[in-house]
N, C-alpha and C. Protein backbone atom coordinates (compact mmCIF):
# COMPACT_ATOMS: atom_id res chain seq x y z
N MET A 1 11.57 5.21 9.63
CA MET A 1 11.29 4.20 8.87
C MET A 1 10.03 5.18 8.64
N ARG A 2 9.05 5.27 7.51
CA ARG A 2 7.88 5.50 7.52
C ARG A 2 7.19 4.25 7.09
N TYR A 3 5.80 4.13 7.78
CA TYR A 3 5.28 3.25 7.86
C TYR A 3 3.67 3.28 6.87
N ALA A 4 3.26 2.51 5.93
CA ALA A 4 1.86 2.74 5.07
C ALA A 4 0.92 2.63 6.65
N PRO A 5 -0.12 2.79 6.83
CA PRO A 5 -0.87 2.47 7.40
C PRO A 5 -1.21 0.49 6.92
N ALA A 6 -1.63 0.05 7.92
CA ALA A 6 -1.97 -1.55 7.42
C ALA A 6 -3.29 -1.24 6.69
N LEU A 7 -3.05 -2.36 5.64
CA LEU A 7 -4.47 -2.98 4.87
C LEU A 7 -5.03 -4.34 5.08
N HIS A 8 -6.24 -4.17 5.54
CA HIS A 8 -6.72 -5.08 5.49
C HIS A 8 -8.30 -5.68 4.72
N VAL A 9 -8.22 -6.28 3.98
CA VAL A 9 -9.31 -6.66 3.01
C VAL A 9 -10.19 -7.89 3.81
N THR A 10 -11.39 -7.57 3.96
CA THR A 10 -12.37 -8.53 4.58
C THR A 10 -13.32 -8.93 3.69
N ARG A 11 -14.41 -9.66 4.08
CA ARG A 11 -15.00 -10.18 2.80
C ARG A 11 -16.40 -8.90 3.03
N SER A 12 -16.23 -8.24 3.98
CA SER A 12 -17.38 -7.09 4.22
C SER A 12 -16.68 -5.53 4.03
N ALA A 13 -15.82 -5.58 4.11
CA ALA A 13 -15.10 -4.26 4.33
C ALA A 13 -13.51 -4.09 3.83
N VAL A 14 -13.31 -2.86 3.56
CA VAL A 14 -11.86 -2.93 3.19
C VAL A 14 -11.19 -1.92 4.33
N LEU A 15 -10.19 -2.20 5.22
CA LEU A 15 -9.93 -1.50 6.45
C LEU A 15 -8.54 -0.65 6.04
N PRO A 16 -8.48 0.57 6.15
CA PRO A 16 -7.13 0.92 6.58
C PRO A 16 -6.98 0.79 7.95
N ALA A 17 -5.29 0.87 8.40
CA ALA A 17 -5.53 0.77 10.33
C ALA A 17 -4.17 1.79 10.21
N GLY A 18 -4.16 2.42 10.99
CA GLY A 18 -3.02 3.43 11.66
C GLY A 18 -3.16 5.01 11.10
N SER A 19 -1.66 5.78 11.00
CA SER A 19 -2.18 7.06 10.31
C SER A 19 -0.79 7.44 9.98
N GLY A 20 -0.35 8.45 9.41
CA GLY A 20 0.89 8.47 9.27
C GLY A 20 0.66 9.42 7.58
N PRO A 21 1.94 9.67 7.21
CA PRO A 21 2.02 10.67 6.17
C PRO A 21 1.41 9.97 4.82
N TYR A 22 1.04 8.76 4.96
CA TYR A 22 0.72 7.76 3.94
C TYR A 22 -0.78 7.09 3.93
N ASP A 23 -1.17 7.35 2.92
CA ASP A 23 -3.06 6.93 3.63
C ASP A 23 -3.19 6.00 2.39
N TRP A 24 -3.81 5.44 2.36
CA TRP A 24 -4.61 4.42 1.43
C TRP A 24 -6.66 5.08 0.81
N MET A 25 -6.01 5.42 -0.44
CA MET A 25 -7.50 5.88 -1.36
C MET A 25 -8.50 4.42 -1.98
N ILE A 26 -9.25 4.53 -1.42
CA ILE A 26 -10.22 3.19 -1.71
C ILE A 26 -11.27 3.66 -2.60
N HIS A 27 -11.43 3.03 -3.66
CA HIS A 27 -12.23 2.92 -4.89
C HIS A 27 -13.10 1.82 -4.59
N ARG A 28 -14.37 2.04 -4.17
CA ARG A 28 -15.25 0.78 -3.51
C ARG A 28 -15.83 0.27 -4.69
N ARG A 29 -15.60 -0.80 -5.20
CA ARG A 29 -16.38 -1.60 -6.15
C ARG A 29 -16.57 -3.05 -6.02
N ALA A 30 -17.05 -3.63 -6.92
CA ALA A 30 -17.24 -5.28 -6.33
C ALA A 30 -15.54 -5.72 -6.21
N LEU A 31 -15.10 -5.28 -6.92
CA LEU A 31 -13.47 -5.67 -6.60
C LEU A 31 -12.77 -4.51 -6.05
N PRO A 32 -12.48 -4.17 -4.99
CA PRO A 32 -11.79 -3.14 -4.35
C PRO A 32 -10.39 -2.54 -5.24
N VAL A 33 -10.56 -1.34 -5.79
CA VAL A 33 -9.42 -0.88 -6.11
C VAL A 33 -8.77 0.29 -5.40
N VAL A 34 -7.48 -0.23 -4.83
CA VAL A 34 -7.07 0.26 -3.10
C VAL A 34 -5.52 1.41 -3.65
N PHE A 35 -5.48 2.67 -3.74
CA PHE A 35 -4.09 3.43 -4.06
C PHE A 35 -2.97 3.63 -2.64
N LEU A 36 -2.34 3.75 -2.55
CA LEU A 36 -1.17 4.13 -1.53
C LEU A 36 -1.05 5.26 -2.20
N THR A 37 -1.56 6.65 -1.68
CA THR A 37 -1.14 8.03 -1.79
C THR A 37 0.06 8.47 -0.65
N CYS A 38 0.82 9.36 -0.98
CA CYS A 38 1.37 10.21 -0.10
C CYS A 38 1.42 11.77 -0.64
N PRO A 39 1.04 12.99 0.30
CA PRO A 39 1.36 14.00 -0.12
C PRO A 39 2.66 14.52 -0.15
N LEU A 40 3.36 13.78 0.40
CA LEU A 40 4.96 13.74 -0.34
C LEU A 40 5.37 13.91 -1.66
N LEU A 41 6.33 14.26 -2.06
CA LEU A 41 6.98 14.32 -3.60
C LEU A 41 7.72 12.92 -3.33
N GLY A 42 8.37 12.26 -2.20
CA GLY A 42 9.27 10.80 -2.71
C GLY A 42 9.78 10.99 -1.24
N LEU A 43 10.14 9.66 -1.27
CA LEU A 43 11.17 9.26 -0.40
C LEU A 43 12.10 10.07 -0.37
N SER A 44 13.01 10.36 0.15
CA SER A 44 14.63 10.68 0.39
C SER A 44 15.45 10.18 1.89
N GLU A 45 16.67 10.15 1.90
CA GLU A 45 17.43 9.49 2.90
C GLU A 45 17.15 10.43 4.03
N PRO A 46 16.89 9.31 5.81
CA PRO A 46 17.12 7.96 5.29
C PRO A 46 15.80 7.57 5.44
N ASP A 47 14.81 7.73 4.68
CA ASP A 47 13.70 7.31 4.81
C ASP A 47 13.27 5.73 4.30
N GLU A 48 12.42 4.73 4.79
CA GLU A 48 12.13 3.96 4.51
C GLU A 48 10.60 3.54 4.29
N LEU A 49 10.06 3.13 3.56
CA LEU A 49 8.44 2.45 3.69
C LEU A 49 8.16 1.42 3.48
N ALA A 50 7.64 1.12 4.70
CA ALA A 50 7.05 -0.78 4.78
C ALA A 50 5.43 -0.59 4.54
N VAL A 51 5.23 -1.36 4.04
CA VAL A 51 3.70 -1.63 3.39
C VAL A 51 3.51 -2.96 3.96
N ASP A 52 2.25 -3.14 4.71
CA ASP A 52 1.53 -4.23 4.92
C ASP A 52 0.09 -4.60 4.26
N VAL A 53 -0.11 -5.86 3.63
CA VAL A 53 -1.24 -5.65 3.04
C VAL A 53 -2.12 -7.25 3.58
N ARG A 54 -3.03 -7.26 3.88
CA ARG A 54 -3.90 -8.80 4.17
C ARG A 54 -4.94 -8.84 3.86
N LEU A 55 -5.00 -10.07 3.09
CA LEU A 55 -6.60 -10.18 2.59
C LEU A 55 -7.01 -11.50 2.81
N ASP A 56 -8.04 -11.43 3.54
CA ASP A 56 -8.62 -12.55 4.13
C ASP A 56 -9.27 -13.49 2.77
N GLY A 57 -9.35 -14.61 3.59
CA GLY A 57 -9.55 -15.79 2.70
C GLY A 57 -11.11 -15.59 2.06
N GLY A 58 -10.47 -15.83 0.46
CA GLY A 58 -12.02 -15.81 -0.48
C GLY A 58 -12.25 -14.17 -0.83
N THR A 59 -11.38 -13.41 -0.56
CA THR A 59 -11.25 -12.04 -0.72
C THR A 59 -10.43 -11.63 -2.05
N ALA A 60 -10.62 -10.76 -2.58
CA ALA A 60 -9.87 -10.02 -3.75
C ALA A 60 -9.41 -8.64 -3.91
N ALA A 61 -8.40 -7.83 -4.15
CA ALA A 61 -8.52 -6.52 -4.40
C ALA A 61 -7.19 -6.32 -5.24
N VAL A 62 -7.52 -4.77 -5.75
CA VAL A 62 -6.21 -4.65 -6.40
C VAL A 62 -5.77 -3.58 -6.12
N VAL A 63 -4.60 -3.87 -5.84
CA VAL A 63 -3.64 -2.67 -4.71
C VAL A 63 -2.44 -1.79 -5.76
N THR A 64 -2.47 -1.00 -5.61
CA THR A 64 -1.45 0.28 -6.49
C THR A 64 -0.87 1.37 -5.65
N THR A 65 -0.11 2.05 -6.21
CA THR A 65 0.49 3.23 -5.49
C THR A 65 0.60 3.95 -6.57
N GLN A 66 0.29 5.61 -5.80
CA GLN A 66 0.44 6.63 -7.26
C GLN A 66 1.64 6.70 -7.98
N GLY A 67 1.79 7.26 -8.73
CA GLY A 67 2.80 7.74 -9.36
C GLY A 67 4.13 8.52 -8.92
N PRO A 68 5.39 8.68 -9.07
CA PRO A 68 5.92 9.44 -8.45
C PRO A 68 5.86 11.02 -8.88
N ALA A 69 5.99 12.02 -7.89
CA ALA A 69 5.96 13.28 -7.78
C ALA A 69 7.14 14.02 -8.69
N SER A 70 8.32 13.21 -8.32
CA SER A 70 9.46 13.71 -8.54
C SER A 70 10.45 12.41 -8.43
N MET A 71 11.52 12.61 -8.52
CA MET A 71 12.81 11.54 -8.39
C MET A 71 13.76 12.82 -7.43
N LEU A 72 14.29 12.07 -6.16
CA LEU A 72 14.91 12.79 -5.40
C LEU A 72 16.32 12.17 -5.68
N ARG A 73 17.38 12.54 -6.16
CA ARG A 73 18.49 11.86 -5.80
C ARG A 73 18.92 11.83 -4.18
N THR A 74 19.91 11.01 -3.73
CA THR A 74 19.87 10.42 -2.75
C THR A 74 21.43 9.64 -2.58
N ARG A 75 22.15 10.18 -1.66
CA ARG A 75 23.48 9.25 -1.64
C ARG A 75 23.50 7.61 -1.36
N GLU A 76 22.31 7.35 -0.86
CA GLU A 76 22.28 6.02 -0.15
C GLU A 76 20.99 5.56 -0.95
N VAL A 77 20.96 4.24 -0.83
CA VAL A 77 19.27 3.57 -1.19
C VAL A 77 18.47 3.97 -0.10
N VAL A 78 16.82 4.10 -1.22
CA VAL A 78 15.86 4.60 -0.05
C VAL A 78 15.42 2.86 -0.22
N ARG A 79 15.03 2.32 0.59
CA ARG A 79 14.37 1.16 0.05
C ARG A 79 12.46 1.01 1.15
N MET A 80 11.60 0.39 0.21
CA MET A 80 10.76 0.03 0.39
C MET A 80 10.53 -1.82 0.62
N HIS A 81 9.57 -1.59 1.99
CA HIS A 81 9.66 -3.30 2.38
C HIS A 81 7.92 -3.43 2.21
N HIS A 82 7.89 -4.66 1.52
CA HIS A 82 5.97 -5.22 1.23
C HIS A 82 5.67 -6.33 2.16
N ARG A 83 4.73 -6.12 2.35
CA ARG A 83 4.39 -7.71 2.99
C ARG A 83 3.23 -7.84 2.70
N PHE A 84 2.98 -8.87 1.76
CA PHE A 84 1.59 -9.09 1.45
C PHE A 84 1.28 -10.77 1.58
N ARG A 85 -0.31 -10.65 2.96
CA ARG A 85 -0.34 -12.12 3.35
C ARG A 85 -1.64 -12.06 2.63
N LEU A 86 -2.06 -13.04 2.50
CA LEU A 86 -3.25 -13.92 1.53
C LEU A 86 -3.74 -15.10 2.40
N GLY A 87 -5.04 -14.88 2.81
CA GLY A 87 -5.64 -16.34 3.14
C GLY A 87 -6.40 -17.25 1.83
N ALA A 88 -6.45 -18.51 2.02
CA ALA A 88 -6.82 -19.22 1.09
C ALA A 88 -7.85 -18.98 0.23
N GLY A 89 -7.41 -19.08 -1.30
CA GLY A 89 -8.78 -18.63 -2.14
C GLY A 89 -8.51 -17.12 -2.29
N ALA A 90 -7.90 -16.09 -1.46
CA ALA A 90 -7.74 -14.74 -2.00
C ALA A 90 -6.73 -14.44 -3.21
N HIS A 91 -7.17 -13.38 -3.63
CA HIS A 91 -6.42 -13.08 -4.70
C HIS A 91 -6.05 -11.73 -4.91
N LEU A 92 -4.89 -11.56 -5.51
CA LEU A 92 -4.16 -9.77 -4.71
C LEU A 92 -3.72 -9.51 -6.14
N THR A 93 -4.25 -8.62 -6.93
CA THR A 93 -3.32 -8.11 -8.12
C THR A 93 -2.59 -6.53 -7.53
N TYR A 94 -1.45 -6.64 -7.88
CA TYR A 94 -0.29 -5.50 -7.20
C TYR A 94 0.10 -5.15 -8.68
N LEU A 95 -0.08 -4.12 -8.57
CA LEU A 95 0.41 -2.74 -9.86
C LEU A 95 1.25 -1.86 -9.35
N PRO A 96 2.62 -2.13 -8.77
CA PRO A 96 3.09 -1.07 -8.22
C PRO A 96 3.26 0.03 -9.84
N TRP A 97 3.86 1.76 -9.13
CA TRP A 97 4.06 2.30 -10.40
C TRP A 97 4.92 2.18 -10.99
């Protein structure tokens, strides 16, 4: 399984944690726009992707993914797991590609 670094949005910072083939590219604005990027062409067997995003209470962010560079044919389903945890009053806009 491949894991994206966890993403934690606080009132004062956008904190990606961890390392691996996936990385968060952060556009720092009043409302942060955060892209999950990967140098790989895509997921293939037996890859799975696990994404964990947490927003503290009262924060907001836009989270999106890069467009696919290619479609890979696989014999089995390639899974992506997303977990979003939002504190009270947090707002997340998720725009998967």
